[in-house]
Amino acid sequence: MKFKFITIKNFRNFEEISIELTNKNVLFGMNDVGKTNFLYALRFLFDKDIRKQNFNDADYYRKNTDAPIEIVFAIDISDTEDDDCKKLRARLKGAILSDQNIVYIKLLAIYDEKEMV
């Protein structure tokens, strides 16, 4: 299993960003450029306990709650000998075709004015 890319839209300090990934990535930069927010976007995508907290208006880029938060992550599962690829294919069962090698995980958050989340 290999990471391919991540796209983040309207989340915290990211209006829209798309980054190609490998399985070894290093994040570095000045303070307040978004390193922690980038990692938090990944946590929202993969950690169900974090998702239970929901997003609030401060999580939207410049508090623009009219546009949804969108996080898309792509994974290459073409290595048929890799145990993680096998597990993911088995878990997805009929959701993907047998010759499909890229899996997309998408989180879409639409702000609810009444609930304020």
PDB file of N, CA and C in Angstrom:
ATOM      1  N   MET A   1       0.851  -1.161   0.000  1.00  0.00           N
ATOM      2  CA  MET A   1       0.000   0.000   0.000  1.00  0.00           C
ATOM      3  C   MET A   1       0.905   1.235   0.000  1.00  0.00           C
ATOM      4  N   LYS A   2       0.572   2.161  -0.887  1.00  0.00           N
ATOM      5  CA  LYS A   2       1.370   3.386  -1.006  1.00  0.00           C
ATOM      6  C   LYS A   2       0.446   4.593  -0.985  1.00  0.00           C
ATOM      7  N   PHE A   3       0.859   5.609  -0.250  1.00  0.00           N
ATOM      8  CA  PHE A   3       0.116   6.862  -0.264  1.00  0.00           C
ATOM      9  C   PHE A   3       0.342   7.549  -1.603  1.00  0.00           C
ATOM     10  N   LYS A   4      -0.706   8.185  -2.138  1.00  0.00           N
ATOM     11  CA  LYS A   4      -0.592   8.883  -3.427  1.00  0.00           C
ATOM     12  C   LYS A   4      -0.681  10.402  -3.256  1.00  0.00           C
ATOM     13  N   PHE A   5      -1.795  10.885  -2.711  1.00  0.00           N
ATOM     14  CA  PHE A   5      -1.950  12.329  -2.516  1.00  0.00           C
ATOM     15  C   PHE A   5      -3.039  12.621  -1.506  1.00  0.00           C
ATOM     16  N   ILE A   6      -3.041  13.865  -1.051  1.00  0.00           N
ATOM     17  CA  ILE A   6      -4.115  14.371  -0.206  1.00  0.00           C
ATOM     18  C   ILE A   6      -4.508  15.748  -0.730  1.00  0.00           C
ATOM     19  N   THR A   7      -5.802  16.007  -0.721  1.00  0.00           N
ATOM     20  CA  THR A   7      -6.336  17.322  -1.078  1.00  0.00           C
ATOM     21  C   THR A   7      -7.168  17.804   0.101  1.00  0.00           C
ATOM     22  N   ILE A   8      -6.918  19.038   0.509  1.00  0.00           N
ATOM     23  CA  ILE A   8      -7.647  19.639   1.636  1.00  0.00           C
ATOM     24  C   ILE A   8      -8.249  20.941   1.150  1.00  0.00           C
ATOM     25  N   LYS A   9      -9.563  21.099   1.358  1.00  0.00           N
ATOM     26  CA  LYS A   9     -10.247  22.325   0.946  1.00  0.00           C
ATOM     27  C   LYS A   9     -11.025  22.907   2.121  1.00  0.00           C
ATOM     28  N   ASN A  10     -10.897  24.209   2.303  1.00  0.00           N
ATOM     29  CA  ASN A  10     -11.678  24.989   3.262  1.00  0.00           C
ATOM     30  C   ASN A  10     -11.501  24.512   4.707  1.00  0.00           C
ATOM     31  N   PHE A  11     -10.309  24.036   5.051  1.00  0.00           N
ATOM     32  CA  PHE A  11     -10.047  23.555   6.410  1.00  0.00           C
ATOM     33  C   PHE A  11      -8.973  24.394   7.074  1.00  0.00           C
ATOM     34  N   ARG A  12      -9.337  25.050   8.146  1.00  0.00           N
ATOM     35  CA  ARG A  12      -8.446  25.883   8.956  1.00  0.00           C
ATOM     36  C   ARG A  12      -7.663  26.852   8.084  1.00  0.00           C
ATOM     37  N   ASN A  13      -6.326  26.727   8.006  1.00  0.00           N
ATOM     38  CA  ASN A  13      -5.588  27.710   7.200  1.00  0.00           C
ATOM     39  C   ASN A  13      -5.381  27.264   5.751  1.00  0.00           C
ATOM     40  N   PHE A  14      -6.078  26.211   5.317  1.00  0.00           N
ATOM     41  CA  PHE A  14      -5.961  25.729   3.951  1.00  0.00           C
ATOM     42  C   PHE A  14      -7.225  26.066   3.154  1.00  0.00           C
ATOM     43  N   GLU A  15      -7.112  27.022   2.256  1.00  0.00           N
ATOM     44  CA  GLU A  15      -8.236  27.290   1.357  1.00  0.00           C
ATOM     45  C   GLU A  15      -8.378  26.120   0.389  1.00  0.00           C
ATOM     46  N   GLU A  16      -7.266  25.748  -0.239  1.00  0.00           N
ATOM     47  CA  GLU A  16      -7.221  24.563  -1.104  1.00  0.00           C
ATOM     48  C   GLU A  16      -5.760  24.193  -1.305  1.00  0.00           C
ATOM     49  N   ILE A  17      -5.444  22.932  -1.001  1.00  0.00           N
ATOM     50  CA  ILE A  17      -4.073  22.457  -1.159  1.00  0.00           C
ATOM     51  C   ILE A  17      -4.123  20.998  -1.589  1.00  0.00           C
ATOM     52  N   SER A  18      -3.224  20.618  -2.481  1.00  0.00           N
ATOM     53  CA  SER A  18      -3.104  19.235  -2.913  1.00  0.00           C
ATOM     54  C   SER A  18      -1.624  18.868  -2.858  1.00  0.00           C
ATOM     55  N   ILE A  19      -1.315  17.774  -2.189  1.00  0.00           N
ATOM     56  CA  ILE A  19       0.069  17.371  -1.983  1.00  0.00           C
ATOM     57  C   ILE A  19       0.247  15.928  -2.414  1.00  0.00           C
ATOM     58  N   GLU A  20       1.226  15.678  -3.273  1.00  0.00           N
ATOM     59  CA  GLU A  20       1.588  14.307  -3.614  1.00  0.00           C
ATOM     60  C   GLU A  20       2.378  13.735  -2.457  1.00  0.00           C
ATOM     61  N   LEU A  21       2.099  12.480  -2.122  1.00  0.00           N
ATOM     62  CA  LEU A  21       2.721  11.849  -0.970  1.00  0.00           C
ATOM     63  C   LEU A  21       3.497  10.602  -1.379  1.00  0.00           C
ATOM     64  N   THR A  22       4.402  10.203  -0.501  1.00  0.00           N
ATOM     65  CA  THR A  22       5.052   8.902  -0.576  1.00  0.00           C
ATOM     66  C   THR A  22       4.824   8.257   0.782  1.00  0.00           C
ATOM     67  N   ASN A  23       5.382   7.097   1.013  1.00  0.00           N
ATOM     68  CA  ASN A  23       5.204   6.470   2.318  1.00  0.00           C
ATOM     69  C   ASN A  23       6.161   7.016   3.364  1.00  0.00           C
ATOM     70  N   LYS A  24       7.080   7.862   2.947  1.00  0.00           N
ATOM     71  CA  LYS A  24       7.972   8.543   3.890  1.00  0.00           C
ATOM     72  C   LYS A  24       7.905  10.029   3.566  1.00  0.00           C
ATOM     73  N   ASN A  25       7.284  10.786   4.454  1.00  0.00           N
ATOM     74  CA  ASN A  25       7.098  12.215   4.240  1.00  0.00           C
ATOM     75  C   ASN A  25       7.606  12.956   5.462  1.00  0.00           C
ATOM     76  N   VAL A  26       8.174  14.125   5.244  1.00  0.00           N
ATOM     77  CA  VAL A  26       8.683  14.965   6.326  1.00  0.00           C
ATOM     78  C   VAL A  26       7.971  16.311   6.240  1.00  0.00           C
ATOM     79  N   LEU A  27       7.420  16.752   7.358  1.00  0.00           N
ATOM     80  CA  LEU A  27       6.791  18.070   7.437  1.00  0.00           C
ATOM     81  C   LEU A  27       7.701  18.992   8.223  1.00  0.00           C
ATOM     82  N   PHE A  28       8.023  20.115   7.619  1.00  0.00           N
ATOM     83  CA  PHE A  28       8.808  21.108   8.342  1.00  0.00           C
ATOM     84  C   PHE A  28       8.419  22.482   7.836  1.00  0.00           C
ATOM     85  N   GLY A  29       8.667  23.487   8.644  1.00  0.00           N
ATOM     86  CA  GLY A  29       8.339  24.845   8.241  1.00  0.00           C
ATOM     87  C   GLY A  29       8.298  25.771   9.439  1.00  0.00           C
ATOM     88  N   MET A  30       8.092  27.035   9.146  1.00  0.00           N
ATOM     89  CA  MET A  30       8.008  28.053  10.181  1.00  0.00           C
ATOM     90  C   MET A  30       6.767  27.808  11.044  1.00  0.00           C
ATOM     91  N   ASN A  31       6.702  28.520  12.166  1.00  0.00           N
ATOM     92  CA  ASN A  31       5.516  28.453  13.017  1.00  0.00           C
ATOM     93  C   ASN A  31       4.310  29.026  12.273  1.00  0.00           C
ATOM     94  N   ASP A  32       3.140  28.491  12.568  1.00  0.00           N
ATOM     95  CA  ASP A  32       1.871  28.981  12.033  1.00  0.00           C
ATOM     96  C   ASP A  32       1.731  28.891  10.514  1.00  0.00           C
ATOM     97  N   VAL A  33       2.322  27.862   9.905  1.00  0.00           N
ATOM     98  CA  VAL A  33       2.137  27.679   8.454  1.00  0.00           C
ATOM     99  C   VAL A  33       1.200  26.515   8.136  1.00  0.00           C
ATOM    100  N   GLY A  34       0.813  25.716   9.164  1.00  0.00           N
ATOM    101  CA  GLY A  34      -0.172  24.679   8.936  1.00  0.00           C
ATOM    102  C   GLY A  34       0.270  23.248   9.140  1.00  0.00           C
ATOM    103  N   LYS A  35       1.447  23.021   9.706  1.00  0.00           N
ATOM    104  CA  LYS A  35       1.913  21.638   9.910  1.00  0.00           C
ATOM    105  C   LYS A  35       0.943  20.855  10.795  1.00  0.00           C
ATOM    106  N   THR A  36       0.581  21.418  11.919  1.00  0.00           N
ATOM    107  CA  THR A  36      -0.337  20.748  12.841  1.00  0.00           C
ATOM    108  C   THR A  36      -1.726  20.614  12.226  1.00  0.00           C
ATOM    109  N   ASN A  37      -2.174  21.635  11.518  1.00  0.00           N
ATOM    110  CA  ASN A  37      -3.483  21.560  10.862  1.00  0.00           C
ATOM    111  C   ASN A  37      -3.511  20.475   9.794  1.00  0.00           C
ATOM    112  N   PHE A  38      -2.405  20.292   9.084  1.00  0.00           N
ATOM    113  CA  PHE A  38      -2.302  19.222   8.095  1.00  0.00           C
ATOM    114  C   PHE A  38      -2.471  17.863   8.775  1.00  0.00           C
ATOM    115  N   LEU A  39      -1.760  17.664   9.876  1.00  0.00           N
ATOM    116  CA  LEU A  39      -1.861  16.398  10.611  1.00  0.00           C
ATOM    117  C   LEU A  39      -3.254  16.218  11.203  1.00  0.00           C
ATOM    118  N   TYR A  40      -3.874  17.302  11.638  1.00  0.00           N
ATOM    119  CA  TYR A  40      -5.218  17.225  12.185  1.00  0.00           C
ATOM    120  C   TYR A  40      -6.233  16.834  11.102  1.00  0.00           C
ATOM    121  N   ALA A  41      -6.014  17.294   9.884  1.00  0.00           N
ATOM    122  CA  ALA A  41      -6.877  16.886   8.772  1.00  0.00           C
ATOM    123  C   ALA A  41      -6.795  15.372   8.579  1.00  0.00           C
ATOM    124  N   LEU A  42      -5.593  14.815   8.669  1.00  0.00           N
ATOM    125  CA  LEU A  42      -5.434  13.361   8.573  1.00  0.00           C
ATOM    126  C   LEU A  42      -6.142  12.654   9.727  1.00  0.00           C
ATOM    127  N   ARG A  43      -6.036  13.221  10.916  1.00  0.00           N
ATOM    128  CA  ARG A  43      -6.708  12.616  12.072  1.00  0.00           C
ATOM    129  C   ARG A  43      -8.221  12.624  11.889  1.00  0.00           C
ATOM    130  N   PHE A  44      -8.782  13.733  11.383  1.00  0.00           N
ATOM    131  CA  PHE A  44     -10.221  13.778  11.137  1.00  0.00           C
ATOM    132  C   PHE A  44     -10.633  12.706  10.134  1.00  0.00           C
ATOM    133  N   LEU A  45      -9.762  12.447   9.177  1.00  0.00           N
ATOM    134  CA  LEU A  45     -10.074  11.454   8.148  1.00  0.00           C
ATOM    135  C   LEU A  45     -10.024  10.025   8.686  1.00  0.00           C
ATOM    136  N   PHE A  46      -9.031   9.731   9.527  1.00  0.00           N
ATOM    137  CA  PHE A  46      -8.784   8.349   9.925  1.00  0.00           C
ATOM    138  C   PHE A  46      -9.147   7.992  11.363  1.00  0.00           C
ATOM    139  N   ASP A  47      -9.427   8.962  12.218  1.00  0.00           N
ATOM    140  CA  ASP A  47      -9.695   8.690  13.629  1.00  0.00           C
ATOM    141  C   ASP A  47     -11.163   8.969  13.952  1.00  0.00           C
ATOM    142  N   LYS A  48     -11.946   7.920  14.130  1.00  0.00           N
ATOM    143  CA  LYS A  48     -13.380   8.106  14.360  1.00  0.00           C
ATOM    144  C   LYS A  48     -13.664   8.848  15.664  1.00  0.00           C
ATOM    145  N   ASP A  49     -12.787   8.733  16.653  1.00  0.00           N
ATOM    146  CA  ASP A  49     -12.994   9.461  17.910  1.00  0.00           C
ATOM    147  C   ASP A  49     -12.846  10.967  17.714  1.00  0.00           C
ATOM    148  N   ILE A  50     -11.945  11.379  16.856  1.00  0.00           N
ATOM    149  CA  ILE A  50     -11.793  12.803  16.536  1.00  0.00           C
ATOM    150  C   ILE A  50     -13.013  13.293  15.761  1.00  0.00           C
ATOM    151  N   ARG A  51     -13.504  12.476  14.830  1.00  0.00           N
ATOM    152  CA  ARG A  51     -14.692  12.867  14.042  1.00  0.00           C
ATOM    153  C   ARG A  51     -15.918  13.068  14.910  1.00  0.00           C
ATOM    154  N   LYS A  52     -16.008  12.346  16.019  1.00  0.00           N
ATOM    155  CA  LYS A  52     -17.154  12.499  16.922  1.00  0.00           C
ATOM    156  C   LYS A  52     -17.248  13.915  17.485  1.00  0.00           C
ATOM    157  N   GLN A  53     -16.124  14.625  17.524  1.00  0.00           N
ATOM    158  CA  GLN A  53     -16.111  15.991  18.049  1.00  0.00           C
ATOM    159  C   GLN A  53     -16.707  16.993  17.061  1.00  0.00           C
ATOM    160  N   ASN A  54     -16.881  16.563  15.824  1.00  0.00           N
ATOM    161  CA  ASN A  54     -17.412  17.413  14.756  1.00  0.00           C
ATOM    162  C   ASN A  54     -16.501  18.612  14.474  1.00  0.00           C
ATOM    163  N   PHE A  55     -16.824  19.336  13.422  1.00  0.00           N
ATOM    164  CA  PHE A  55     -16.147  20.581  13.090  1.00  0.00           C
ATOM    165  C   PHE A  55     -16.973  21.726  13.668  1.00  0.00           C
ATOM    166  N   ASN A  56     -16.320  22.809  14.027  1.00  0.00           N
ATOM    167  CA  ASN A  56     -17.054  24.025  14.384  1.00  0.00           C
ATOM    168  C   ASN A  56     -16.660  25.117  13.402  1.00  0.00           C
ATOM    169  N   ASP A  57     -17.241  26.295  13.522  1.00  0.00           N
ATOM    170  CA  ASP A  57     -16.997  27.331  12.521  1.00  0.00           C
ATOM    171  C   ASP A  57     -15.529  27.746  12.433  1.00  0.00           C
ATOM    172  N   ALA A  58     -14.774  27.592  13.510  1.00  0.00           N
ATOM    173  CA  ALA A  58     -13.349  27.946  13.496  1.00  0.00           C
ATOM    174  C   ALA A  58     -12.523  26.969  12.655  1.00  0.00           C
ATOM    175  N   ASP A  59     -13.055  25.789  12.354  1.00  0.00           N
ATOM    176  CA  ASP A  59     -12.345  24.814  11.530  1.00  0.00           C
ATOM    177  C   ASP A  59     -12.455  25.125  10.042  1.00  0.00           C
ATOM    178  N   TYR A  60     -13.368  25.998   9.670  1.00  0.00           N
ATOM    179  CA  TYR A  60     -13.541  26.388   8.270  1.00  0.00           C
ATOM    180  C   TYR A  60     -12.589  27.523   7.925  1.00  0.00           C
ATOM    181  N   TYR A  61     -12.005  27.470   6.752  1.00  0.00           N
ATOM    182  CA  TYR A  61     -11.068  28.497   6.298  1.00  0.00           C
ATOM    183  C   TYR A  61     -11.743  29.872   6.378  1.00  0.00           C
ATOM    184  N   ARG A  62     -11.134  30.748   7.158  1.00  0.00           N
ATOM    185  CA  ARG A  62     -11.663  32.098   7.394  1.00  0.00           C
ATOM    186  C   ARG A  62     -13.137  32.077   7.805  1.00  0.00           C
ATOM    187  N   LYS A  63     -13.508  31.024   8.535  1.00  0.00           N
ATOM    188  CA  LYS A  63     -14.877  30.823   9.033  1.00  0.00           C
ATOM    189  C   LYS A  63     -15.932  30.856   7.921  1.00  0.00           C
ATOM    190  N   ASN A  64     -15.513  30.450   6.712  1.00  0.00           N
ATOM    191  CA  ASN A  64     -16.429  30.386   5.581  1.00  0.00           C
ATOM    192  C   ASN A  64     -17.237  29.091   5.654  1.00  0.00           C
ATOM    193  N   THR A  65     -18.331  29.128   6.406  1.00  0.00           N
ATOM    194  CA  THR A  65     -19.153  27.935   6.588  1.00  0.00           C
ATOM    195  C   THR A  65     -20.098  27.683   5.415  1.00  0.00           C
ATOM    196  N   ASP A  66     -20.104  28.587   4.428  1.00  0.00           N
ATOM    197  CA  ASP A  66     -20.933  28.384   3.229  1.00  0.00           C
ATOM    198  C   ASP A  66     -20.353  27.308   2.319  1.00  0.00           C
ATOM    199  N   ALA A  67     -19.042  27.127   2.368  1.00  0.00           N
ATOM    200  CA  ALA A  67     -18.378  26.090   1.562  1.00  0.00           C
ATOM    201  C   ALA A  67     -18.049  24.911   2.476  1.00  0.00           C
ATOM    202  N   PRO A  68     -18.194  23.681   1.992  1.00  0.00           N
ATOM    203  CA  PRO A  68     -17.901  22.519   2.846  1.00  0.00           C
ATOM    204  C   PRO A  68     -16.399  22.317   3.035  1.00  0.00           C
ATOM    205  N   ILE A  69     -16.057  21.657   4.119  1.00  0.00           N
ATOM    206  CA  ILE A  69     -14.690  21.163   4.293  1.00  0.00           C
ATOM    207  C   ILE A  69     -14.608  19.861   3.509  1.00  0.00           C
ATOM    208  N   GLU A  70     -13.559  19.719   2.728  1.00  0.00           N
ATOM    209  CA  GLU A  70     -13.392  18.507   1.924  1.00  0.00           C
ATOM    210  C   GLU A  70     -11.956  18.021   2.068  1.00  0.00           C
ATOM    211  N   ILE A  71     -11.807  16.767   2.468  1.00  0.00           N
ATOM    212  CA  ILE A  71     -10.480  16.146   2.586  1.00  0.00           C
ATOM    213  C   ILE A  71     -10.532  14.848   1.797  1.00  0.00           C
ATOM    214  N   VAL A  72      -9.643  14.708   0.808  1.00  0.00           N
ATOM    215  CA  VAL A  72      -9.590  13.512  -0.035  1.00  0.00           C
ATOM    216  C   VAL A  72      -8.192  12.920   0.064  1.00  0.00           C
ATOM    217  N   PHE A  73      -8.125  11.619   0.306  1.00  0.00           N
ATOM    218  CA  PHE A  73      -6.859  10.912   0.449  1.00  0.00           C
ATOM    219  C   PHE A  73      -6.867   9.744  -0.527  1.00  0.00           C
ATOM    220  N   ALA A  74      -5.783   9.564  -1.277  1.00  0.00           N
ATOM    221  CA  ALA A  74      -5.693   8.472  -2.253  1.00  0.00           C
ATOM    222  C   ALA A  74      -4.593   7.493  -1.847  1.00  0.00           C
ATOM    223  N   ILE A  75      -4.923   6.208  -1.971  1.00  0.00           N
ATOM    224  CA  ILE A  75      -3.993   5.135  -1.621  1.00  0.00           C
ATOM    225  C   ILE A  75      -3.892   4.171  -2.799  1.00  0.00           C
ATOM    226  N   ASP A  76      -2.666   3.814  -3.152  1.00  0.00           N
ATOM    227  CA  ASP A  76      -2.415   2.834  -4.211  1.00  0.00           C
ATOM    228  C   ASP A  76      -2.368   1.441  -3.569  1.00  0.00           C
ATOM    229  N   ILE A  77      -3.265   0.564  -4.002  1.00  0.00           N
ATOM    230  CA  ILE A  77      -3.301  -0.806  -3.457  1.00  0.00           C
ATOM    231  C   ILE A  77      -2.982  -1.832  -4.543  1.00  0.00           C
ATOM    232  N   SER A  78      -2.116  -1.453  -5.472  1.00  0.00           N
ATOM    233  CA  SER A  78      -1.799  -2.335  -6.610  1.00  0.00           C
ATOM    234  C   SER A  78      -0.870  -3.491  -6.240  1.00  0.00           C
ATOM    235  N   ASP A  79      -0.146  -3.394  -5.118  1.00  0.00           N
ATOM    236  CA  ASP A  79       0.779  -4.455  -4.711  1.00  0.00           C
ATOM    237  C   ASP A  79      -0.022  -5.622  -4.137  1.00  0.00           C
ATOM    238  N   THR A  80      -0.270  -6.635  -4.955  1.00  0.00           N
ATOM    239  CA  THR A  80      -1.113  -7.759  -4.548  1.00  0.00           C
ATOM    240  C   THR A  80      -0.424  -8.697  -3.550  1.00  0.00           C
ATOM    241  N   GLU A  81       0.866  -8.524  -3.342  1.00  0.00           N
ATOM    242  CA  GLU A  81       1.596  -9.349  -2.373  1.00  0.00           C
ATOM    243  C   GLU A  81       1.644  -8.695  -0.997  1.00  0.00           C
ATOM    244  N   ASP A  82       1.326  -7.412  -0.913  1.00  0.00           N
ATOM    245  CA  ASP A  82       1.386  -6.669   0.343  1.00  0.00           C
ATOM    246  C   ASP A  82       0.197  -7.042   1.228  1.00  0.00           C
ATOM    247  N   ASP A  83       0.466  -7.391   2.489  1.00  0.00           N
ATOM    248  CA  ASP A  83      -0.599  -7.804   3.412  1.00  0.00           C
ATOM    249  C   ASP A  83      -1.614  -6.692   3.659  1.00  0.00           C
ATOM    250  N   ASP A  84      -1.154  -5.453   3.768  1.00  0.00           N
ATOM    251  CA  ASP A  84      -2.078  -4.339   4.001  1.00  0.00           C
ATOM    252  C   ASP A  84      -3.012  -4.142   2.810  1.00  0.00           C
ATOM    253  N   CYS A  85      -2.475  -4.277   1.602  1.00  0.00           N
ATOM    254  CA  CYS A  85      -3.318  -4.175   0.400  1.00  0.00           C
ATOM    255  C   CYS A  85      -4.361  -5.282   0.378  1.00  0.00           C
ATOM    256  N   LYS A  86      -3.947  -6.498   0.740  1.00  0.00           N
ATOM    257  CA  LYS A  86      -4.877  -7.625   0.776  1.00  0.00           C
ATOM    258  C   LYS A  86      -5.990  -7.375   1.785  1.00  0.00           C
ATOM    259  N   LYS A  87      -5.625  -6.877   2.964  1.00  0.00           N
ATOM    260  CA  LYS A  87      -6.625  -6.607   4.008  1.00  0.00           C
ATOM    261  C   LYS A  87      -7.607  -5.531   3.561  1.00  0.00           C
ATOM    262  N   LEU A  88      -7.078  -4.482   2.932  1.00  0.00           N
ATOM    263  CA  LEU A  88      -7.945  -3.393   2.494  1.00  0.00           C
ATOM    264  C   LEU A  88      -8.893  -3.864   1.394  1.00  0.00           C
ATOM    265  N   ARG A  89      -8.375  -4.640   0.447  1.00  0.00           N
ATOM    266  CA  ARG A  89      -9.238  -5.180  -0.612  1.00  0.00           C
ATOM    267  C   ARG A  89     -10.325  -6.082  -0.030  1.00  0.00           C
ATOM    268  N   ALA A  90      -9.960  -6.905   0.940  1.00  0.00           N
ATOM    269  CA  ALA A  90     -10.938  -7.799   1.565  1.00  0.00           C
ATOM    270  C   ALA A  90     -11.998  -6.992   2.315  1.00  0.00           C
ATOM    271  N   ARG A  91     -11.585  -5.926   2.964  1.00  0.00           N
ATOM    272  CA  ARG A  91     -12.522  -5.087   3.729  1.00  0.00           C
ATOM    273  C   ARG A  91     -13.489  -4.348   2.808  1.00  0.00           C
ATOM    274  N   LEU A  92     -12.979  -3.928   1.638  1.00  0.00           N
ATOM    275  CA  LEU A  92     -13.808  -3.178   0.696  1.00  0.00           C
ATOM    276  C   LEU A  92     -14.710  -4.082  -0.143  1.00  0.00           C
ATOM    277  N   LYS A  93     -14.362  -5.339  -0.215  1.00  0.00           N
ATOM    278  CA  LYS A  93     -15.125  -6.364  -0.942  1.00  0.00           C
ATOM    279  C   LYS A  93     -15.677  -5.854  -2.267  1.00  0.00           C
ATOM    280  N   GLY A  94     -16.982  -5.752  -2.406  1.00  0.00           N
ATOM    281  CA  GLY A  94     -17.611  -5.385  -3.670  1.00  0.00           C
ATOM    282  C   GLY A  94     -17.597  -3.893  -3.965  1.00  0.00           C
ATOM    283  N   ALA A  95     -17.024  -3.083  -3.088  1.00  0.00           N
ATOM    284  CA  ALA A  95     -17.018  -1.633  -3.305  1.00  0.00           C
ATOM    285  C   ALA A  95     -16.006  -1.207  -4.360  1.00  0.00           C
ATOM    286  N   ILE A  96     -15.046  -2.077  -4.683  1.00  0.00           N
ATOM    287  CA  ILE A  96     -14.066  -1.764  -5.727  1.00  0.00           C
ATOM    288  C   ILE A  96     -14.009  -2.923  -6.718  1.00  0.00           C
ATOM    289  N   LEU A  97     -13.606  -2.601  -7.929  1.00  0.00           N
ATOM    290  CA  LEU A  97     -13.423  -3.631  -8.956  1.00  0.00           C
ATOM    291  C   LEU A  97     -12.103  -4.344  -8.713  1.00  0.00           C
ATOM    292  N   SER A  98     -11.979  -5.565  -9.197  1.00  0.00           N
ATOM    293  CA  SER A  98     -10.761  -6.340  -8.957  1.00  0.00           C
ATOM    294  C   SER A  98      -9.528  -5.700  -9.587  1.00  0.00           C
ATOM    295  N   ASP A  99      -9.708  -4.940 -10.674  1.00  0.00           N
ATOM    296  CA  ASP A  99      -8.556  -4.307 -11.323  1.00  0.00           C
ATOM    297  C   ASP A  99      -8.346  -2.852 -10.868  1.00  0.00           C
ATOM    298  N   GLN A 100      -9.137  -2.398  -9.923  1.00  0.00           N
ATOM    299  CA  GLN A 100      -8.998  -1.028  -9.422  1.00  0.00           C
ATOM    300  C   GLN A 100      -7.837  -0.975  -8.434  1.00  0.00           C
ATOM    301  N   ASN A 101      -6.902  -0.048  -8.659  1.00  0.00           N
ATOM    302  CA  ASN A 101      -5.689   0.016  -7.855  1.00  0.00           C
ATOM    303  C   ASN A 101      -5.586   1.249  -6.962  1.00  0.00           C
ATOM    304  N   ILE A 102      -6.435   2.224  -7.164  1.00  0.00           N
ATOM    305  CA  ILE A 102      -6.409   3.428  -6.337  1.00  0.00           C
ATOM    306  C   ILE A 102      -7.708   3.495  -5.544  1.00  0.00           C
ATOM    307  N   VAL A 103      -7.573   3.689  -4.242  1.00  0.00           N
ATOM    308  CA  VAL A 103      -8.727   3.838  -3.357  1.00  0.00           C
ATOM    309  C   VAL A 103      -8.737   5.279  -2.864  1.00  0.00           C
ATOM    310  N   TYR A 104      -9.907   5.901  -2.919  1.00  0.00           N
ATOM    311  CA  TYR A 104     -10.070   7.274  -2.465  1.00  0.00           C
ATOM    312  C   TYR A 104     -10.915   7.286  -1.199  1.00  0.00           C
ATOM    313  N   ILE A 105     -10.442   8.014  -0.220  1.00  0.00           N
ATOM    314  CA  ILE A 105     -11.187   8.207   1.016  1.00  0.00           C
ATOM    315  C   ILE A 105     -11.532   9.689   1.073  1.00  0.00           C
ATOM    316  N   LYS A 106     -12.815   9.982   1.235  1.00  0.00           N
ATOM    317  CA  LYS A 106     -13.242  11.381   1.198  1.00  0.00           C
ATOM    318  C   LYS A 106     -14.078  11.713   2.424  1.00  0.00           C
ATOM    319  N   LEU A 107     -13.738  12.832   3.040  1.00  0.00           N
ATOM    320  CA  LEU A 107     -14.536  13.382   4.123  1.00  0.00           C
ATOM    321  C   LEU A 107     -15.125  14.693   3.628  1.00  0.00           C
ATOM    322  N   LEU A 108     -16.424  14.847   3.772  1.00  0.00           N
ATOM    323  CA  LEU A 108     -17.110  16.069   3.355  1.00  0.00           C
ATOM    324  C   LEU A 108     -17.919  16.554   4.545  1.00  0.00           C
ATOM    325  N   ALA A 109     -17.643  17.775   4.995  1.00  0.00           N
ATOM    326  CA  ALA A 109     -18.341  18.336   6.156  1.00  0.00           C
ATOM    327  C   ALA A 109     -19.113  19.566   5.738  1.00  0.00           C
ATOM    328  N   ILE A 110     -20.421  19.526   5.968  1.00  0.00           N
ATOM    329  CA  ILE A 110     -21.290  20.665   5.658  1.00  0.00           C
ATOM    330  C   ILE A 110     -21.766  21.243   6.986  1.00  0.00           C
ATOM    331  N   TYR A 111     -21.582  22.533   7.141  1.00  0.00           N
ATOM    332  CA  TYR A 111     -21.901  23.213   8.405  1.00  0.00           C
ATOM    333  C   TYR A 111     -23.414  23.343   8.600  1.00  0.00           C
ATOM    334  N   ASP A 112     -23.878  23.011   9.792  1.00  0.00           N
ATOM    335  CA  ASP A 112     -25.287  23.121  10.156  1.00  0.00           C
ATOM    336  C   ASP A 112     -25.454  24.348  11.051  1.00  0.00           C
ATOM    337  N   GLU A 113     -26.072  25.381  10.517  1.00  0.00           N
ATOM    338  CA  GLU A 113     -26.261  26.634  11.270  1.00  0.00           C
ATOM    339  C   GLU A 113     -27.028  26.413  12.569  1.00  0.00           C
ATOM    340  N   LYS A 114     -28.045  25.555  12.546  1.00  0.00           N
ATOM    341  CA  LYS A 114     -28.858  25.315  13.739  1.00  0.00           C
ATOM    342  C   LYS A 114     -28.070  24.650  14.852  1.00  0.00           C
ATOM    343  N   GLU A 115     -27.278  23.649  14.482  1.00  0.00           N
ATOM    344  CA  GLU A 115     -26.485  22.911  15.463  1.00  0.00           C
ATOM    345  C   GLU A 115     -25.137  23.590  15.755  1.00  0.00           C
ATOM    346  N   MET A 116     -24.718  24.463  14.862  1.00  0.00           N
ATOM    347  CA  MET A 116     -23.428  25.171  14.937  1.00  0.00           C
ATOM    348  C   MET A 116     -22.240  24.208  14.889  1.00  0.00           C
ATOM    349  N   VAL A 117     -22.412  23.106  14.130  1.00  0.00           N
ATOM    350  CA  VAL A 117     -21.328  22.134  13.905  1.00  0.00           C
ATOM    351  C   VAL A 117     -21.446  21.619  12.472  1.00  0.00           C
TER     352      VAL A 117
END
